[in-house]
Amino acid sequence: MSDTASFLRPLFNYLEQFYPLSGALKTELEKYCELIHIKKNKYILSPIDLNASLYFLVNGLVRGFVRDGRKDISTWFSTGNEIIGAIRHPGQRPNHSIEYLQALEQCQLICIPYTLIDFVYTHYPEAN
């Protein structure tokens, strides 16, 4: 793994709990994943954004919620070291989601585009 992709080590460690990753799959992830930083109380995803990625929460605190009128209804919380995202049907084109993802603390996330996920599912058996 290159020095520039060392930010992916937490994701690789997480995924390799389930199945070993090939070098070729790691290379694909290195090419297309991105490390992002989100400030406290900012949205990672809201209904105005296309739901085009999953995220691996490296550190921080995130909540998923929906709005019912003026009321926020929290549906889940994550404290890190797991994959998070909004509801989406497999194979669906990027669409706007009714779900919000909000950073409750400063967060560091690895952005994993659904286009990459769809590609690795069809080309790398271990991705499934």
N, C-alpha and C. Protein backbone atom coordinates (compact mmCIF):
# COMPACT_ATOMS: atom_id res chain seq x y z
N MET A 1 0.85 -1.17 0.00
CA MET A 1 0.00 0.00 0.00
C MET A 1 0.89 1.23 0.00
N SER A 2 0.54 2.20 -0.82
CA SER A 2 1.33 3.41 -0.91
C SER A 2 1.11 4.31 0.30
N ASP A 3 2.06 5.23 0.54
CA ASP A 3 1.92 6.17 1.65
C ASP A 3 0.69 7.04 1.49
N THR A 4 0.36 7.40 0.24
CA THR A 4 -0.79 8.27 0.01
C THR A 4 -2.10 7.56 0.33
N ALA A 5 -2.12 6.26 0.33
CA ALA A 5 -3.34 5.51 0.62
C ALA A 5 -3.36 4.96 2.04
N SER A 6 -2.42 5.36 2.88
CA SER A 6 -2.39 4.82 4.24
C SER A 6 -3.65 5.16 5.02
N PHE A 7 -4.39 6.20 4.60
CA PHE A 7 -5.64 6.53 5.27
C PHE A 7 -6.67 5.40 5.13
N LEU A 8 -6.45 4.47 4.19
CA LEU A 8 -7.37 3.36 4.00
C LEU A 8 -7.12 2.19 4.95
N ARG A 9 -6.03 2.20 5.69
CA ARG A 9 -5.71 1.10 6.59
C ARG A 9 -6.88 0.75 7.53
N PRO A 10 -7.56 1.72 8.16
CA PRO A 10 -8.70 1.35 9.02
C PRO A 10 -9.81 0.62 8.26
N LEU A 11 -10.07 1.03 7.02
CA LEU A 11 -11.09 0.36 6.21
C LEU A 11 -10.64 -1.05 5.86
N PHE A 12 -9.37 -1.20 5.44
CA PHE A 12 -8.86 -2.53 5.12
C PHE A 12 -8.93 -3.45 6.34
N ASN A 13 -8.53 -2.96 7.50
CA ASN A 13 -8.59 -3.77 8.72
C ASN A 13 -10.02 -4.21 9.02
N TYR A 14 -10.95 -3.30 8.85
CA TYR A 14 -12.36 -3.61 9.10
C TYR A 14 -12.84 -4.70 8.14
N LEU A 15 -12.60 -4.51 6.85
CA LEU A 15 -13.08 -5.47 5.85
C LEU A 15 -12.41 -6.83 5.98
N GLU A 16 -11.13 -6.84 6.36
CA GLU A 16 -10.40 -8.11 6.45
C GLU A 16 -10.81 -8.93 7.67
N GLN A 17 -11.65 -8.38 8.54
CA GLN A 17 -12.25 -9.20 9.60
C GLN A 17 -13.18 -10.24 9.00
N PHE A 18 -13.73 -9.93 7.81
CA PHE A 18 -14.72 -10.79 7.18
C PHE A 18 -14.11 -11.70 6.12
N TYR A 19 -13.11 -11.17 5.38
CA TYR A 19 -12.49 -11.96 4.32
C TYR A 19 -11.23 -11.23 3.86
N PRO A 20 -10.15 -11.97 3.55
CA PRO A 20 -8.92 -11.31 3.07
C PRO A 20 -9.16 -10.55 1.77
N LEU A 21 -8.56 -9.38 1.66
CA LEU A 21 -8.68 -8.56 0.45
C LEU A 21 -7.47 -8.80 -0.46
N SER A 22 -7.73 -8.94 -1.74
CA SER A 22 -6.63 -9.10 -2.69
C SER A 22 -5.93 -7.76 -2.88
N GLY A 23 -4.69 -7.83 -3.33
CA GLY A 23 -3.94 -6.61 -3.65
C GLY A 23 -4.63 -5.79 -4.72
N ALA A 24 -5.24 -6.48 -5.70
CA ALA A 24 -5.93 -5.78 -6.79
C ALA A 24 -7.14 -5.01 -6.27
N LEU A 25 -7.88 -5.61 -5.34
CA LEU A 25 -9.04 -4.91 -4.76
C LEU A 25 -8.57 -3.70 -3.95
N LYS A 26 -7.51 -3.85 -3.19
CA LYS A 26 -6.97 -2.72 -2.42
C LYS A 26 -6.55 -1.59 -3.36
N THR A 27 -5.97 -1.95 -4.49
CA THR A 27 -5.56 -0.94 -5.46
C THR A 27 -6.76 -0.17 -5.99
N GLU A 28 -7.86 -0.87 -6.28
CA GLU A 28 -9.08 -0.20 -6.74
C GLU A 28 -9.60 0.78 -5.68
N LEU A 29 -9.60 0.33 -4.44
CA LEU A 29 -10.06 1.20 -3.35
C LEU A 29 -9.15 2.42 -3.21
N GLU A 30 -7.85 2.20 -3.34
CA GLU A 30 -6.88 3.31 -3.26
C GLU A 30 -7.14 4.36 -4.34
N LYS A 31 -7.56 3.91 -5.52
CA LYS A 31 -7.77 4.84 -6.64
C LYS A 31 -8.99 5.73 -6.45
N TYR A 32 -10.03 5.21 -5.82
CA TYR A 32 -11.31 5.92 -5.87
C TYR A 32 -11.88 6.37 -4.51
N CYS A 33 -11.34 5.88 -3.42
CA CYS A 33 -11.82 6.32 -2.11
C CYS A 33 -11.14 7.63 -1.73
N GLU A 34 -11.80 8.38 -0.89
CA GLU A 34 -11.31 9.70 -0.51
C GLU A 34 -11.49 9.90 1.00
N LEU A 35 -10.51 10.50 1.63
CA LEU A 35 -10.62 10.85 3.05
C LEU A 35 -11.24 12.23 3.16
N ILE A 36 -12.30 12.33 3.97
CA ILE A 36 -12.95 13.62 4.16
C ILE A 36 -13.04 13.94 5.65
N HIS A 37 -13.08 15.22 5.94
CA HIS A 37 -13.23 15.70 7.32
C HIS A 37 -14.50 16.54 7.38
N ILE A 38 -15.33 16.26 8.36
CA ILE A 38 -16.59 16.98 8.52
C ILE A 38 -16.60 17.62 9.90
N LYS A 39 -16.93 18.88 9.95
CA LYS A 39 -16.97 19.60 11.22
C LYS A 39 -18.22 19.24 12.02
N LYS A 40 -18.12 19.42 13.32
CA LYS A 40 -19.21 19.15 14.25
C LYS A 40 -20.49 19.86 13.79
N ASN A 41 -21.59 19.13 13.84
CA ASN A 41 -22.95 19.58 13.50
C ASN A 41 -23.22 19.78 12.01
N LYS A 42 -22.25 19.53 11.14
CA LYS A 42 -22.45 19.65 9.70
C LYS A 42 -23.06 18.35 9.16
N TYR A 43 -23.74 18.48 8.03
CA TYR A 43 -24.33 17.30 7.39
C TYR A 43 -23.31 16.64 6.46
N ILE A 44 -23.25 15.34 6.56
CA ILE A 44 -22.48 14.53 5.63
C ILE A 44 -23.35 14.29 4.40
N LEU A 45 -24.65 14.13 4.64
CA LEU A 45 -25.63 13.90 3.59
C LEU A 45 -26.95 14.48 4.04
N SER A 46 -27.66 15.10 3.11
CA SER A 46 -29.01 15.60 3.39
C SER A 46 -29.84 15.40 2.12
N PRO A 47 -31.14 15.63 2.18
CA PRO A 47 -31.99 15.40 1.01
C PRO A 47 -31.63 16.26 -0.21
N ILE A 48 -30.85 17.31 -0.05
CA ILE A 48 -30.45 18.09 -1.23
C ILE A 48 -29.25 17.48 -1.94
N ASP A 49 -28.60 16.49 -1.30
CA ASP A 49 -27.42 15.83 -1.87
C ASP A 49 -27.82 14.52 -2.54
N LEU A 50 -27.07 14.15 -3.59
CA LEU A 50 -27.25 12.82 -4.17
C LEU A 50 -26.66 11.79 -3.22
N ASN A 51 -27.38 10.72 -3.00
CA ASN A 51 -26.91 9.62 -2.16
C ASN A 51 -26.03 8.73 -3.04
N ALA A 52 -24.77 9.15 -3.23
CA ALA A 52 -23.88 8.49 -4.19
C ALA A 52 -22.74 7.72 -3.54
N SER A 53 -22.67 7.69 -2.20
CA SER A 53 -21.54 7.04 -1.53
C SER A 53 -21.96 6.42 -0.20
N LEU A 54 -21.20 5.42 0.18
CA LEU A 54 -21.18 4.93 1.55
C LEU A 54 -19.97 5.58 2.21
N TYR A 55 -19.89 5.48 3.53
CA TYR A 55 -18.78 6.07 4.26
C TYR A 55 -18.29 5.08 5.31
N PHE A 56 -16.98 5.08 5.51
CA PHE A 56 -16.41 4.36 6.64
C PHE A 56 -16.03 5.42 7.65
N LEU A 57 -16.66 5.37 8.82
CA LEU A 57 -16.39 6.36 9.86
C LEU A 57 -15.14 5.94 10.61
N VAL A 58 -14.06 6.66 10.37
CA VAL A 58 -12.79 6.36 11.02
C VAL A 58 -12.85 6.80 12.49
N ASN A 59 -13.31 8.03 12.71
CA ASN A 59 -13.51 8.50 14.08
C ASN A 59 -14.52 9.63 14.10
N GLY A 60 -15.10 9.83 15.26
CA GLY A 60 -16.13 10.84 15.43
C GLY A 60 -17.44 10.19 15.85
N LEU A 61 -18.50 10.97 15.80
CA LEU A 61 -19.84 10.51 16.17
C LEU A 61 -20.81 11.03 15.12
N VAL A 62 -21.60 10.12 14.54
CA VAL A 62 -22.55 10.47 13.49
C VAL A 62 -23.91 9.92 13.87
N ARG A 63 -24.95 10.67 13.49
CA ARG A 63 -26.30 10.14 13.64
C ARG A 63 -26.99 10.17 12.29
N GLY A 64 -27.86 9.19 12.09
CA GLY A 64 -28.76 9.18 10.95
C GLY A 64 -30.13 9.58 11.47
N PHE A 65 -30.83 10.39 10.69
CA PHE A 65 -32.18 10.77 11.12
C PHE A 65 -33.04 11.16 9.93
N VAL A 66 -34.34 11.17 10.17
CA VAL A 66 -35.32 11.64 9.19
C VAL A 66 -36.11 12.76 9.86
N ARG A 67 -36.75 13.55 9.04
CA ARG A 67 -37.58 14.65 9.56
C ARG A 67 -39.05 14.32 9.33
N ASP A 68 -39.82 14.57 10.36
CA ASP A 68 -41.28 14.45 10.28
C ASP A 68 -41.83 15.81 10.66
N GLY A 69 -42.10 16.62 9.65
CA GLY A 69 -42.48 18.01 9.91
C GLY A 69 -41.29 18.75 10.48
N ARG A 70 -41.44 19.29 11.68
CA ARG A 70 -40.34 20.00 12.34
C ARG A 70 -39.58 19.11 13.32
N LYS A 71 -39.95 17.86 13.39
CA LYS A 71 -39.38 16.93 14.36
C LYS A 71 -38.31 16.04 13.72
N ASP A 72 -37.12 15.99 14.33
CA ASP A 72 -36.06 15.07 13.90
C ASP A 72 -36.26 13.74 14.61
N ILE A 73 -36.21 12.64 13.86
CA ILE A 73 -36.32 11.31 14.43
C ILE A 73 -35.02 10.57 14.14
N SER A 74 -34.19 10.41 15.18
CA SER A 74 -32.92 9.70 15.02
C SER A 74 -33.19 8.23 14.78
N THR A 75 -32.50 7.65 13.80
CA THR A 75 -32.69 6.24 13.46
C THR A 75 -31.49 5.38 13.85
N TRP A 76 -30.31 6.00 13.97
CA TRP A 76 -29.11 5.27 14.38
C TRP A 76 -28.01 6.25 14.74
N PHE A 77 -27.00 5.73 15.47
CA PHE A 77 -25.80 6.47 15.84
C PHE A 77 -24.59 5.59 15.56
N SER A 78 -23.47 6.19 15.20
CA SER A 78 -22.22 5.45 15.01
C SER A 78 -21.09 6.20 15.70
N THR A 79 -20.28 5.46 16.43
CA THR A 79 -19.13 6.04 17.12
C THR A 79 -17.82 5.72 16.41
N GLY A 80 -17.90 5.13 15.25
CA GLY A 80 -16.70 4.90 14.47
C GLY A 80 -16.37 3.46 14.22
N ASN A 81 -15.43 3.26 13.30
CA ASN A 81 -14.94 1.96 12.88
C ASN A 81 -16.05 1.08 12.30
N GLU A 82 -16.93 1.72 11.49
CA GLU A 82 -17.96 0.96 10.79
C GLU A 82 -18.41 1.72 9.55
N ILE A 83 -19.06 0.98 8.67
CA ILE A 83 -19.58 1.55 7.43
C ILE A 83 -20.95 2.14 7.72
N ILE A 84 -21.16 3.37 7.23
CA ILE A 84 -22.43 4.05 7.42
C ILE A 84 -22.93 4.59 6.09
N GLY A 85 -24.21 4.85 6.01
CA GLY A 85 -24.78 5.44 4.82
C GLY A 85 -26.28 5.58 4.97
N ALA A 86 -26.88 6.22 4.00
CA ALA A 86 -28.33 6.39 3.96
C ALA A 86 -28.96 5.21 3.24
N ILE A 87 -30.22 5.02 3.45
CA ILE A 87 -30.97 3.94 2.83
C ILE A 87 -30.89 4.08 1.30
N ARG A 88 -30.61 2.95 0.65
CA ARG A 88 -30.51 2.92 -0.81
C ARG A 88 -30.73 1.49 -1.29
N HIS A 89 -31.45 1.33 -2.37
CA HIS A 89 -31.64 0.00 -2.95
C HIS A 89 -30.42 -0.38 -3.77
N PRO A 90 -29.94 -1.63 -3.65
CA PRO A 90 -28.77 -2.05 -4.45
C PRO A 90 -29.03 -1.84 -5.94
N GLY A 91 -28.02 -1.36 -6.64
CA GLY A 91 -28.11 -1.16 -8.07
C GLY A 91 -28.86 0.09 -8.48
N GLN A 92 -29.42 0.81 -7.52
CA GLN A 92 -30.17 2.04 -7.83
C GLN A 92 -29.22 3.15 -8.24
N ARG A 93 -29.65 3.98 -9.16
CA ARG A 93 -28.85 5.15 -9.54
C ARG A 93 -28.83 6.13 -8.37
N PRO A 94 -27.80 6.97 -8.30
CA PRO A 94 -27.78 7.97 -7.23
C PRO A 94 -29.07 8.79 -7.24
N ASN A 95 -29.63 8.93 -6.07
CA ASN A 95 -30.90 9.60 -5.90
C ASN A 95 -30.84 10.40 -4.61
N HIS A 96 -31.76 11.29 -4.43
CA HIS A 96 -31.81 12.05 -3.18
C HIS A 96 -32.44 11.16 -2.11
N SER A 97 -31.93 11.26 -0.91
CA SER A 97 -32.40 10.43 0.19
C SER A 97 -33.24 11.27 1.14
N ILE A 98 -34.19 10.64 1.80
CA ILE A 98 -34.95 11.35 2.83
C ILE A 98 -34.18 11.38 4.15
N GLU A 99 -33.11 10.60 4.22
CA GLU A 99 -32.33 10.47 5.45
C GLU A 99 -31.20 11.49 5.49
N TYR A 100 -30.93 11.98 6.67
CA TYR A 100 -29.81 12.90 6.92
C TYR A 100 -28.72 12.12 7.65
N LEU A 101 -27.46 12.44 7.37
CA LEU A 101 -26.32 11.97 8.15
C LEU A 101 -25.66 13.21 8.71
N GLN A 102 -25.55 13.30 10.04
CA GLN A 102 -25.02 14.50 10.68
C GLN A 102 -23.86 14.15 11.60
N ALA A 103 -22.78 14.92 11.47
CA ALA A 103 -21.63 14.76 12.36
C ALA A 103 -21.96 15.44 13.69
N LEU A 104 -21.97 14.68 14.76
CA LEU A 104 -22.22 15.24 16.09
C LEU A 104 -20.92 15.64 16.77
N GLU A 105 -19.81 15.21 16.21
CA GLU A 105 -18.46 15.60 16.61
C GLU A 105 -17.67 15.80 15.32
N GLN A 106 -16.49 16.38 15.43
CA GLN A 106 -15.59 16.42 14.27
C GLN A 106 -15.37 14.98 13.81
N CYS A 107 -15.51 14.73 12.52
CA CYS A 107 -15.43 13.36 12.00
C CYS A 107 -14.43 13.24 10.87
N GLN A 108 -13.84 12.08 10.81
CA GLN A 108 -12.96 11.69 9.71
C GLN A 108 -13.61 10.47 9.08
N LEU A 109 -13.88 10.54 7.77
CA LEU A 109 -14.56 9.48 7.07
C LEU A 109 -13.85 9.13 5.78
N ILE A 110 -14.00 7.89 5.36
CA ILE A 110 -13.53 7.47 4.04
C ILE A 110 -14.77 7.36 3.17
N CYS A 111 -14.79 8.14 2.10
CA CYS A 111 -15.90 8.16 1.16
C CYS A 111 -15.70 7.04 0.14
N ILE A 112 -16.70 6.16 0.01
CA ILE A 112 -16.64 5.02 -0.91
C ILE A 112 -17.78 5.16 -1.91
N PRO A 113 -17.50 5.60 -3.13
CA PRO A 113 -18.58 5.81 -4.12
C PRO A 113 -19.31 4.51 -4.46
N TYR A 114 -20.62 4.60 -4.62
CA TYR A 114 -21.40 3.42 -5.01
C TYR A 114 -20.97 2.89 -6.37
N THR A 115 -20.50 3.76 -7.27
CA THR A 115 -20.01 3.26 -8.57
C THR A 115 -18.83 2.31 -8.36
N LEU A 116 -17.97 2.62 -7.39
CA LEU A 116 -16.85 1.73 -7.07
C LEU A 116 -17.37 0.44 -6.45
N ILE A 117 -18.32 0.55 -5.53
CA ILE A 117 -18.88 -0.64 -4.89
C ILE A 117 -19.48 -1.57 -5.93
N ASP A 118 -20.27 -1.01 -6.84
CA ASP A 118 -20.88 -1.83 -7.90
C ASP A 118 -19.81 -2.51 -8.76
N PHE A 119 -18.73 -1.78 -9.08
CA PHE A 119 -17.64 -2.33 -9.88
C PHE A 119 -16.94 -3.48 -9.15
N VAL A 120 -16.57 -3.27 -7.90
CA VAL A 120 -15.82 -4.32 -7.19
C VAL A 120 -16.69 -5.54 -6.91
N TYR A 121 -18.00 -5.36 -6.73
CA TYR A 121 -18.88 -6.52 -6.56
C TYR A 121 -18.85 -7.43 -7.77
N THR A 122 -18.75 -6.85 -8.96
CA THR A 122 -18.76 -7.67 -10.17
C THR A 122 -17.38 -8.17 -10.57
N HIS A 123 -16.30 -7.55 -10.08
CA HIS A 123 -14.96 -7.93 -10.51
C HIS A 123 -14.10 -8.61 -9.44
N TYR A 124 -14.50 -8.52 -8.19
CA TYR A 124 -13.71 -9.08 -7.09
C TYR A 124 -14.62 -9.88 -6.17
N PRO A 125 -14.59 -11.21 -6.27
CA PRO A 125 -15.51 -12.04 -5.48
C PRO A 125 -15.44 -11.77 -3.97
N GLU A 126 -14.25 -11.41 -3.47
CA GLU A 126 -14.13 -11.18 -2.03
C GLU A 126 -14.89 -9.94 -1.56
N ALA A 127 -15.25 -9.07 -2.49
CA ALA A 127 -16.01 -7.87 -2.13
C ALA A 127 -17.43 -8.22 -1.69
N ASN A 128 -17.94 -9.32 -2.16
CA ASN A 128 -19.30 -9.71 -1.79
C ASN A 128 -19.33 -10.24 -0.37
